[in-house]
N, C-alpha and C. Protein backbone atom coordinates (compact mmCIF):
# COMPACT_ATOMS: atom_id res chain seq x y z
N UNK A 1 123.40 67.35 64.07
CA UNK A 1 124.10 67.35 65.34
C UNK A 1 123.16 67.90 66.43
N UNK A 2 123.20 67.32 67.57
CA UNK A 2 122.27 67.67 68.64
C UNK A 2 122.45 69.12 69.12
N UNK A 3 123.67 69.56 69.28
CA UNK A 3 123.89 70.93 69.76
C UNK A 3 123.32 71.96 68.78
N UNK A 4 123.51 71.71 67.49
CA UNK A 4 122.95 72.62 66.49
C UNK A 4 121.43 72.64 66.54
N UNK A 5 120.82 71.47 66.72
CA UNK A 5 119.36 71.39 66.81
C UNK A 5 118.86 72.12 68.05
N UNK A 6 119.56 71.96 69.15
CA UNK A 6 119.18 72.65 70.38
C UNK A 6 119.33 74.17 70.22
N UNK A 7 120.40 74.59 69.55
CA UNK A 7 120.60 76.02 69.31
C UNK A 7 119.47 76.58 68.46
N UNK A 8 119.07 75.84 67.44
CA UNK A 8 117.97 76.29 66.59
C UNK A 8 116.66 76.37 67.38
N UNK A 9 116.42 75.38 68.24
CA UNK A 9 115.21 75.39 69.07
C UNK A 9 115.19 76.62 69.98
N UNK A 10 116.33 76.95 70.57
CA UNK A 10 116.40 78.12 71.44
C UNK A 10 116.22 79.42 70.65
N UNK A 11 116.78 79.48 69.46
CA UNK A 11 116.60 80.68 68.63
C UNK A 11 115.13 80.83 68.23
N UNK A 12 114.48 79.71 67.91
CA UNK A 12 113.04 79.76 67.59
C UNK A 12 112.22 80.21 68.80
N UNK A 13 112.62 79.76 69.98
CA UNK A 13 111.94 80.18 71.21
C UNK A 13 112.10 81.69 71.41
N UNK A 14 113.30 82.19 71.20
CA UNK A 14 113.54 83.63 71.34
C UNK A 14 112.70 84.43 70.36
N UNK A 15 112.60 83.94 69.14
CA UNK A 15 111.79 84.62 68.13
C UNK A 15 110.32 84.62 68.53
N UNK A 16 109.83 83.48 69.01
CA UNK A 16 108.43 83.40 69.44
C UNK A 16 108.16 84.34 70.60
N UNK A 17 109.07 84.41 71.55
CA UNK A 17 108.90 85.32 72.69
C UNK A 17 108.90 86.77 72.23
N UNK A 18 109.76 87.10 71.29
CA UNK A 18 109.81 88.47 70.77
C UNK A 18 108.51 88.83 70.07
N UNK A 19 107.98 87.90 69.27
CA UNK A 19 106.70 88.15 68.59
C UNK A 19 105.57 88.31 69.62
N UNK A 20 105.60 87.49 70.66
CA UNK A 20 104.59 87.60 71.71
C UNK A 20 104.67 88.98 72.37
N UNK A 21 105.86 89.41 72.69
CA UNK A 21 106.04 90.73 73.32
C UNK A 21 105.52 91.84 72.41
N UNK A 22 105.78 91.70 71.12
CA UNK A 22 105.29 92.71 70.17
C UNK A 22 103.77 92.77 70.15
N UNK A 23 103.13 91.60 70.18
CA UNK A 23 101.67 91.56 70.15
C UNK A 23 101.06 92.09 71.44
N UNK A 24 101.72 91.86 72.56
CA UNK A 24 101.18 92.25 73.86
C UNK A 24 101.52 93.69 74.26
N UNK A 25 102.41 94.32 73.52
CA UNK A 25 102.89 95.66 73.89
C UNK A 25 101.74 96.66 74.03
N UNK A 26 100.72 96.54 73.21
CA UNK A 26 99.60 97.49 73.24
C UNK A 26 98.62 97.22 74.38
N UNK A 27 98.74 96.07 75.02
CA UNK A 27 97.81 95.71 76.10
C UNK A 27 98.22 96.42 77.38
N UNK A 28 97.49 97.48 77.72
CA UNK A 28 97.83 98.29 78.89
C UNK A 28 97.50 97.59 80.22
N UNK A 29 96.77 96.48 80.16
CA UNK A 29 96.42 95.79 81.40
C UNK A 29 97.57 94.93 81.93
N UNK A 30 98.57 94.68 81.09
CA UNK A 30 99.71 93.87 81.53
C UNK A 30 100.69 94.74 82.31
N UNK A 31 101.23 94.22 83.39
CA UNK A 31 102.20 95.00 84.16
C UNK A 31 103.52 95.14 83.37
N UNK A 32 104.24 96.22 83.58
CA UNK A 32 105.50 96.45 82.85
C UNK A 32 106.52 95.33 83.05
N UNK A 33 106.52 94.73 84.25
CA UNK A 33 107.50 93.69 84.50
C UNK A 33 107.29 92.49 83.58
N UNK A 34 106.07 92.29 83.09
CA UNK A 34 105.80 91.16 82.22
C UNK A 34 106.55 91.32 80.89
N UNK A 35 106.50 92.52 80.32
CA UNK A 35 107.25 92.80 79.09
C UNK A 35 108.75 92.63 79.34
N UNK A 36 109.21 93.10 80.49
CA UNK A 36 110.63 92.96 80.83
C UNK A 36 111.01 91.48 80.94
N UNK A 37 110.15 90.69 81.54
CA UNK A 37 110.42 89.26 81.69
C UNK A 37 110.51 88.57 80.33
N UNK A 38 109.59 88.90 79.44
CA UNK A 38 109.63 88.30 78.10
C UNK A 38 110.93 88.68 77.39
N UNK A 39 111.31 89.94 77.46
CA UNK A 39 112.55 90.39 76.81
C UNK A 39 113.77 89.70 77.42
N UNK A 40 113.76 89.54 78.73
CA UNK A 40 114.88 88.88 79.41
C UNK A 40 115.00 87.43 78.97
N UNK A 41 113.88 86.71 78.94
CA UNK A 41 113.93 85.30 78.53
C UNK A 41 114.31 85.16 77.06
N UNK A 42 113.85 86.05 76.21
CA UNK A 42 114.24 86.01 74.79
C UNK A 42 115.75 86.22 74.66
N UNK A 43 116.28 87.17 75.42
CA UNK A 43 117.71 87.43 75.39
C UNK A 43 118.50 86.23 75.89
N UNK A 44 118.03 85.61 76.95
CA UNK A 44 118.70 84.42 77.48
C UNK A 44 118.68 83.27 76.49
N UNK A 45 117.57 83.12 75.78
CA UNK A 45 117.49 82.07 74.75
C UNK A 45 118.50 82.33 73.65
N UNK A 46 118.61 83.59 73.22
CA UNK A 46 119.58 83.92 72.16
C UNK A 46 121.02 83.70 72.63
N UNK A 47 121.30 84.05 73.87
CA UNK A 47 122.64 83.83 74.41
C UNK A 47 122.96 82.34 74.47
N UNK A 48 122.01 81.56 74.95
CA UNK A 48 122.21 80.11 75.03
C UNK A 48 122.38 79.51 73.64
N UNK A 49 121.60 79.98 72.68
CA UNK A 49 121.72 79.49 71.30
C UNK A 49 123.12 79.79 70.76
N UNK A 50 123.60 80.98 71.01
CA UNK A 50 124.94 81.35 70.57
C UNK A 50 126.01 80.48 71.23
N UNK A 51 125.86 80.23 72.52
CA UNK A 51 126.80 79.38 73.24
C UNK A 51 126.80 77.95 72.69
N UNK A 52 125.61 77.42 72.40
CA UNK A 52 125.52 76.07 71.85
C UNK A 52 126.11 75.99 70.45
N UNK A 53 125.91 77.02 69.66
CA UNK A 53 126.50 77.05 68.32
C UNK A 53 128.03 77.06 68.42
N UNK A 54 128.56 77.84 69.33
CA UNK A 54 130.01 77.88 69.54
C UNK A 54 130.52 76.52 70.01
N UNK A 55 129.78 75.88 70.90
CA UNK A 55 130.18 74.56 71.39
C UNK A 55 130.15 73.53 70.27
N UNK A 56 129.14 73.60 69.42
CA UNK A 56 129.05 72.67 68.29
C UNK A 56 130.22 72.86 67.34
N UNK A 57 130.58 74.12 67.09
CA UNK A 57 131.71 74.41 66.21
C UNK A 57 133.01 73.88 66.81
N UNK A 58 133.20 74.09 68.10
CA UNK A 58 134.40 73.60 68.78
C UNK A 58 134.45 72.08 68.75
N UNK A 59 133.30 71.45 68.94
CA UNK A 59 133.24 69.99 68.93
C UNK A 59 133.59 69.45 67.54
N UNK A 60 133.12 70.12 66.50
CA UNK A 60 133.44 69.69 65.14
C UNK A 60 134.95 69.77 64.90
N UNK A 61 135.57 70.85 65.38
CA UNK A 61 137.02 71.00 65.20
C UNK A 61 137.79 69.96 66.01
N UNK A 62 137.28 69.57 67.16
CA UNK A 62 137.93 68.56 67.98
C UNK A 62 137.93 67.19 67.30
N UNK A 63 136.92 66.95 66.48
CA UNK A 63 136.78 65.64 65.84
C UNK A 63 137.37 65.59 64.43
N UNK A 64 137.93 66.71 63.97
CA UNK A 64 138.57 66.71 62.66
C UNK A 64 139.88 65.94 62.74
N UNK A 65 140.17 65.22 61.67
CA UNK A 65 141.43 64.48 61.63
C UNK A 65 142.54 65.44 61.23
N UNK A 66 143.70 65.27 61.85
CA UNK A 66 144.82 66.15 61.50
C UNK A 66 145.26 65.93 60.05
N UNK A 67 145.66 67.02 59.42
CA UNK A 67 146.14 66.93 58.04
C UNK A 67 147.51 66.25 58.04
N UNK A 68 147.75 65.50 57.02
CA UNK A 68 149.09 64.94 56.95
C UNK A 68 149.07 63.55 56.61
């Protein structure tokens, strides 16, 4: 399902951003706002992934045939 694939892509993006932030944390030449920006975008990716997963679940329930 497309929504699930998009949610996974966003979660992978968040993970990659988090790993990048971890690697760059020791670099004192980077301004503090850069670390904040990475954390913000990772958080937004995770929120969007969660929203898409919820939408995919709702869509699946909408397409279920009624019992009976």
